[in-house]
C-alpha atoms as a PDB file:
ATOM      1  CA  MET A   1     -18.564  46.594 -10.397  1.00  0.00           C
ATOM      2  CA  ALA A   2     -22.028  45.007 -10.501  1.00  0.00           C
ATOM      3  CA  GLN A   3     -24.146  46.022  -7.585  1.00  0.00           C
ATOM      4  CA  ASN A   4     -21.091  46.936  -5.397  1.00  0.00           C
ATOM      5  CA  ASN A   5     -20.138  43.374  -4.860  1.00  0.00           C
ATOM      6  CA  PHE A   6     -16.801  41.935  -5.066  1.00  0.00           C
ATOM      7  CA  ASN A   7     -15.702  38.810  -6.614  1.00  0.00           C
ATOM      8  CA  ASP A   8     -12.224  37.193  -6.498  1.00  0.00           C
ATOM      9  CA  LEU A   9     -10.941  39.097  -9.518  1.00  0.00           C
ATOM     10  CA  GLU A  10     -11.982  42.453  -8.149  1.00  0.00           C
ATOM     11  CA  ALA A  11     -10.450  41.523  -4.693  1.00  0.00           C
ATOM     12  CA  LEU A  12      -7.149  40.490  -6.508  1.00  0.00           C
ATOM     13  CA  GLU A  13      -7.354  43.693  -8.251  1.00  0.00           C
ATOM     14  CA  ILE A  14      -7.609  45.691  -5.008  1.00  0.00           C
ATOM     15  CA  ALA A  15      -4.686  43.628  -3.511  1.00  0.00           C
ATOM     16  CA  ILE A  16      -2.575  44.607  -6.561  1.00  0.00           C
ATOM     17  CA  GLN A  17      -3.349  48.125  -5.918  1.00  0.00           C
ATOM     18  CA  ILE A  18      -2.606  47.769  -2.178  1.00  0.00           C
ATOM     19  CA  GLU A  19       0.802  46.216  -2.945  1.00  0.00           C
ATOM     20  CA  ASN A  20       1.621  48.904  -5.515  1.00  0.00           C
ATOM     21  CA  ARG A  21       0.819  51.600  -3.194  1.00  0.00           C
ATOM     22  CA  GLY A  22       3.006  50.083  -0.565  1.00  0.00           C
ATOM     23  CA  HIS A  23       5.766  49.955  -3.152  1.00  0.00           C
ATOM     24  CA  THR A  24       5.454  53.533  -3.992  1.00  0.00           C
ATOM     25  CA  PHE A  25       5.234  54.636  -0.382  1.00  0.00           C
ATOM     26  CA  TYR A  26       8.378  52.587   0.903  1.00  0.00           C
ATOM     27  CA  SER A  27      10.288  53.846  -2.417  1.00  0.00           C
ATOM     28  CA  LYS A  28       9.639  57.450  -1.828  1.00  0.00           C
ATOM     29  CA  ALA A  29      10.322  57.075   1.807  1.00  0.00           C
ATOM     30  CA  ALA A  30      13.716  55.446   1.105  1.00  0.00           C
ATOM     31  CA  HIS A  31      14.715  58.445  -1.015  1.00  0.00           C
ATOM     32  CA  LEU A  32      14.409  60.640   2.220  1.00  0.00           C
ATOM     33  CA  ALA A  33      16.512  58.299   4.382  1.00  0.00           C
ATOM     34  CA  THR A  34      19.903  59.646   5.424  1.00  0.00           C
ATOM     35  CA  SER A  35      21.019  56.416   7.055  1.00  0.00           C
ATOM     36  CA  ASP A  36      22.200  53.490   4.785  1.00  0.00           C
ATOM     37  CA  GLY A  37      20.478  50.980   7.171  1.00  0.00           C
ATOM     38  CA  VAL A  38      17.289  52.707   6.934  1.00  0.00           C
ATOM     39  CA  ARG A  39      17.386  53.396   3.207  1.00  0.00           C
ATOM     40  CA  GLU A  40      18.137  49.603   2.788  1.00  0.00           C
ATOM     41  CA  MET A  41      15.305  48.495   4.935  1.00  0.00           C
ATOM     42  CA  LEU A  42      12.730  50.650   2.951  1.00  0.00           C
ATOM     43  CA  GLU A  43      13.995  49.522  -0.191  1.00  0.00           C
ATOM     44  CA  LYS A  44      13.727  45.902   0.833  1.00  0.00           C
ATOM     45  CA  LEU A  45      10.069  46.527   1.921  1.00  0.00           C
ATOM     46  CA  ALA A  46       9.382  48.276  -1.401  1.00  0.00           C
ATOM     47  CA  GLU A  47      10.803  45.434  -3.411  1.00  0.00           C
ATOM     48  CA  GLN A  48       8.768  42.926  -1.423  1.00  0.00           C
ATOM     49  CA  GLU A  49       5.647  44.793  -1.965  1.00  0.00           C
ATOM     50  CA  LEU A  50       6.350  44.815  -5.669  1.00  0.00           C
ATOM     51  CA  ASP A  51       6.864  41.093  -5.423  1.00  0.00           C
ATOM     52  CA  HIS A  52       3.527  40.743  -3.878  1.00  0.00           C
ATOM     53  CA  ALA A  53       1.800  42.685  -6.538  1.00  0.00           C
ATOM     54  CA  SER A  54       3.524  40.508  -9.241  1.00  0.00           C
ATOM     55  CA  ALA A  55       2.325  37.445  -7.575  1.00  0.00           C
ATOM     56  CA  PHE A  56      -1.193  38.682  -7.312  1.00  0.00           C
ATOM     57  CA  GLN A  57      -1.095  39.788 -10.899  1.00  0.00           C
ATOM     58  CA  LYS A  58      -0.144  36.310 -12.042  1.00  0.00           C
ATOM     59  CA  ILE A  59      -3.076  34.819 -10.082  1.00  0.00           C
ATOM     60  CA  TYR A  60      -5.405  37.495 -11.435  1.00  0.00           C
ATOM     61  CA  ASN A  61      -4.397  36.797 -15.032  1.00  0.00           C
ATOM     62  CA  GLU A  62      -4.959  33.007 -14.657  1.00  0.00           C
ATOM     63  CA  LEU A  63      -8.344  33.551 -13.044  1.00  0.00           C
ATOM     64  CA  SER A  64      -9.551  36.015 -15.516  1.00  0.00           C
ATOM     65  CA  GLN A  65      -8.933  33.758 -18.447  1.00  0.00           C
ATOM     66  CA  ARG A  66     -11.701  31.331 -16.815  1.00  0.00           C
ATOM     67  CA  LYS A  67     -14.229  34.158 -15.647  1.00  0.00           C
ATOM     68  CA  ASP A  68     -16.458  33.689 -18.840  1.00  0.00           C
ATOM     69  CA  SER A  69     -16.969  30.026 -17.973  1.00  0.00           C
ATOM     70  CA  LEU A  70     -18.143  30.998 -14.403  1.00  0.00           C
ATOM     71  CA  ASP A  71     -21.538  32.014 -13.217  1.00  0.00           C
ATOM     72  CA  ASP A  72     -22.348  34.911 -10.867  1.00  0.00           C
ATOM     73  CA  THR A  73     -22.908  32.764  -7.767  1.00  0.00           C
ATOM     74  CA  TYR A  74     -19.512  33.462  -6.455  1.00  0.00           C
ATOM     75  CA  LEU A  75     -20.204  37.115  -5.820  1.00  0.00           C
ATOM     76  CA  TYR A  76     -20.001  37.968  -2.041  1.00  0.00           C
ATOM     77  CA  ASP A  77     -22.783  38.837   0.304  1.00  0.00           C
ATOM     78  CA  PRO A  78     -23.552  42.662  -0.086  1.00  0.00           C
ATOM     79  CA  GLU A  79     -22.558  43.330   3.642  1.00  0.00           C
ATOM     80  CA  VAL A  80     -19.132  41.705   3.070  1.00  0.00           C
ATOM     81  CA  SER A  81     -18.844  43.503  -0.238  1.00  0.00           C
ATOM     82  CA  ALA A  82     -19.596  46.938   1.524  1.00  0.00           C
ATOM     83  CA  TYR A  83     -16.973  46.184   4.314  1.00  0.00           C
ATOM     84  CA  LEU A  84     -14.323  45.317   1.752  1.00  0.00           C
ATOM     85  CA  LYS A  85     -15.033  48.330  -0.341  1.00  0.00           C
ATOM     86  CA  ALA A  86     -14.810  50.590   2.649  1.00  0.00           C
ATOM     87  CA  MET A  87     -11.716  48.856   3.799  1.00  0.00           C
ATOM     88  CA  ALA A  88      -9.849  49.015   0.569  1.00  0.00           C
ATOM     89  CA  GLU A  89     -10.677  52.663  -0.121  1.00  0.00           C
ATOM     90  CA  SER A  90      -9.971  54.027   3.376  1.00  0.00           C
ATOM     91  CA  THR A  91      -7.099  52.057   4.863  1.00  0.00           C
ATOM     92  CA  ILE A  92      -3.807  50.350   3.799  1.00  0.00           C
ATOM     93  CA  PHE A  93      -1.227  52.655   2.231  1.00  0.00           C
ATOM     94  CA  PRO A  94      -2.177  56.242   1.265  1.00  0.00           C
ATOM     95  CA  SER A  95      -3.390  56.503  -2.267  1.00  0.00           C
ATOM     96  CA  ASP A  96      -1.283  58.451  -4.831  1.00  0.00           C
ATOM     97  CA  ASP A  97      -3.406  61.481  -4.433  1.00  0.00           C
ATOM     98  CA  TYR A  98      -2.250  61.761  -0.771  1.00  0.00           C
ATOM     99  CA  LEU A  99       1.126  60.082  -0.916  1.00  0.00           C
ATOM    100  CA  ASN A 100       3.163  63.320  -1.307  1.00  0.00           C
ATOM    101  CA  GLU A 101       1.206  64.901   1.526  1.00  0.00           C
ATOM    102  CA  PHE A 102       2.082  61.924   3.594  1.00  0.00           C
ATOM    103  CA  ILE A 103       5.657  61.949   2.750  1.00  0.00           C
ATOM    104  CA  ASP A 104       5.970  65.683   3.206  1.00  0.00           C
ATOM    105  CA  GLY A 105       4.720  65.329   6.579  1.00  0.00           C
ATOM    106  CA  LEU A 106       7.272  62.792   7.822  1.00  0.00           C
ATOM    107  CA  LYS A 107       9.629  63.997  10.519  1.00  0.00           C
ATOM    108  CA  ASP A 108      11.666  60.933  11.062  1.00  0.00           C
ATOM    109  CA  ILE A 109      12.041  57.283  10.470  1.00  0.00           C
ATOM    110  CA  SER A 110       9.569  56.584  13.335  1.00  0.00           C
ATOM    111  CA  ASP A 111       6.817  58.327  11.286  1.00  0.00           C
ATOM    112  CA  VAL A 112       7.520  56.066   8.345  1.00  0.00           C
ATOM    113  CA  LEU A 113       7.626  52.967  10.363  1.00  0.00           C
ATOM    114  CA  LYS A 114       4.388  53.812  12.159  1.00  0.00           C
ATOM    115  CA  ILE A 115       2.663  54.394   8.962  1.00  0.00           C
ATOM    116  CA  GLY A 116       4.059  51.037   7.555  1.00  0.00           C
ATOM    117  CA  ILE A 117       2.893  49.382  10.729  1.00  0.00           C
ATOM    118  CA  GLN A 118      -0.517  50.491  10.715  1.00  0.00           C
ATOM    119  CA  ALA A 119      -0.638  49.784   6.826  1.00  0.00           C
ATOM    120  CA  GLU A 120       0.654  46.149   7.546  1.00  0.00           C
ATOM    121  CA  LYS A 121      -2.024  45.714  10.244  1.00  0.00           C
ATOM    122  CA  ASP A 122      -4.749  46.965   7.765  1.00  0.00           C
ATOM    123  CA  SER A 123      -3.460  44.605   5.085  1.00  0.00           C
ATOM    124  CA  ILE A 124      -3.630  41.741   7.439  1.00  0.00           C
ATOM    125  CA  LEU A 125      -7.222  42.446   8.360  1.00  0.00           C
ATOM    126  CA  PHE A 126      -8.022  42.787   4.493  1.00  0.00           C
ATOM    127  CA  TYR A 127      -6.282  39.600   3.536  1.00  0.00           C
ATOM    128  CA  ALA A 128      -7.783  37.648   6.400  1.00  0.00           C
ATOM    129  CA  GLU A 129     -11.261  38.696   5.080  1.00  0.00           C
ATOM    130  CA  MET A 130     -10.391  37.684   1.544  1.00  0.00           C
ATOM    131  CA  ILE A 131      -9.266  34.233   2.682  1.00  0.00           C
ATOM    132  CA  ILE A 132     -12.614  33.871   4.342  1.00  0.00           C
ATOM    133  CA  ASN A 133     -14.761  34.960   1.388  1.00  0.00           C
ATOM    134  CA  ALA A 134     -12.674  34.117  -1.719  1.00  0.00           C
ATOM    135  CA  ARG A 135     -14.256  31.377  -3.834  1.00  0.00           C
ATOM    136  CA  TYR A 136     -11.171  30.082  -5.747  1.00  0.00           C
ATOM    137  CA  VAL A 137      -8.491  28.089  -4.125  1.00  0.00           C
ATOM    138  CA  GLU A 138      -5.882  29.906  -6.014  1.00  0.00           C
ATOM    139  CA  ALA A 139      -6.897  33.223  -4.532  1.00  0.00           C
ATOM    140  CA  LYS A 140      -7.286  31.794  -1.160  1.00  0.00           C
ATOM    141  CA  GLU A 141      -3.840  30.529  -1.312  1.00  0.00           C
ATOM    142  CA  ALA A 142      -2.256  33.717  -2.472  1.00  0.00           C
ATOM    143  CA  PHE A 143      -4.141  35.629   0.293  1.00  0.00           C
ATOM    144  CA  ARG A 144      -2.807  32.918   2.795  1.00  0.00           C
ATOM    145  CA  ARG A 145       0.749  33.487   1.514  1.00  0.00           C
ATOM    146  CA  LEU A 146       0.472  37.200   1.579  1.00  0.00           C
ATOM    147  CA  LEU A 147      -1.108  37.311   4.993  1.00  0.00           C
ATOM    148  CA  LYS A 148       1.918  35.397   6.492  1.00  0.00           C
ATOM    149  CA  GLU A 149       4.180  37.769   4.802  1.00  0.00           C
ATOM    150  CA  GLU A 150       2.480  40.892   5.949  1.00  0.00           C
ATOM    151  CA  LYS A 151       2.433  39.387   9.421  1.00  0.00           C
ATOM    152  CA  LYS A 152       6.398  39.061   9.038  1.00  0.00           C
ATOM    153  CA  HIS A 153       6.546  42.686   7.682  1.00  0.00           C
ATOM    154  CA  LEU A 154       4.560  43.850  10.829  1.00  0.00           C
ATOM    155  CA  ILE A 155       7.012  42.242  13.185  1.00  0.00           C
ATOM    156  CA  ASP A 156      10.008  43.615  11.335  1.00  0.00           C
ATOM    157  CA  LEU A 157       8.589  47.041  11.224  1.00  0.00           C
ATOM    158  CA  GLN A 158       7.810  46.982  14.895  1.00  0.00           C
ATOM    159  CA  ARG A 159      11.374  45.798  15.719  1.00  0.00           C
ATOM    160  CA  SER A 160      12.648  48.531  13.352  1.00  0.00           C
ATOM    161  CA  LEU A 161      10.572  51.106  15.176  1.00  0.00           C
ATOM    162  CA  ASP A 162      11.939  49.977  18.509  1.00  0.00           C
ATOM    163  CA  GLU A 163      15.480  50.340  17.142  1.00  0.00           C
ATOM    164  CA  TYR A 164      15.186  53.668  15.253  1.00  0.00           C
ATOM    165  CA  LYS A 165      12.781  55.513  17.390  1.00  0.00           C
ATOM    166  CA  SER A 166      15.288  58.384  18.332  1.00  0.00           C
ATOM    167  CA  LYS A 167      17.176  58.449  14.991  1.00  0.00           C
ATOM    168  CA  PRO A 168      16.638  61.075  12.342  1.00  0.00           C
ATOM    169  CA  LEU A 169      15.245  60.005   8.850  1.00  0.00           C
END
């Protein structure tokens, strides 16, 4: 990345990674579930994360075909870039390096849901910043759509946490 700045393509690439990590997290957690209802909920969340990654990939591919005809004026302010970089590296879903450690530490479905809730909150913050700072309409619209879906995920996860608080994984 030039000068640690993000452009829309880099932001989309980070979003793809976030969604793929979410897919992996929910998929692995679903394999641990002993209840059909819990397993189905986690599998559905995993599938939705994969759909999000696919949507971002499509927009990334479209924008990347046009990047050579664009100048560098769309690069973000360095302070915004530093914030986004820190957020992408330190929040959202655990990276592949730490995912197994997270999964091994899970005691029950409440743990899974709490991690999911925090990840969705972090995603909401990230996508809100991307809406503000994206230069291209396609990127802004994708982030808006995903922000709305992440808010739904947050509500669903919170409801599930309330329902499954005392049930075993």
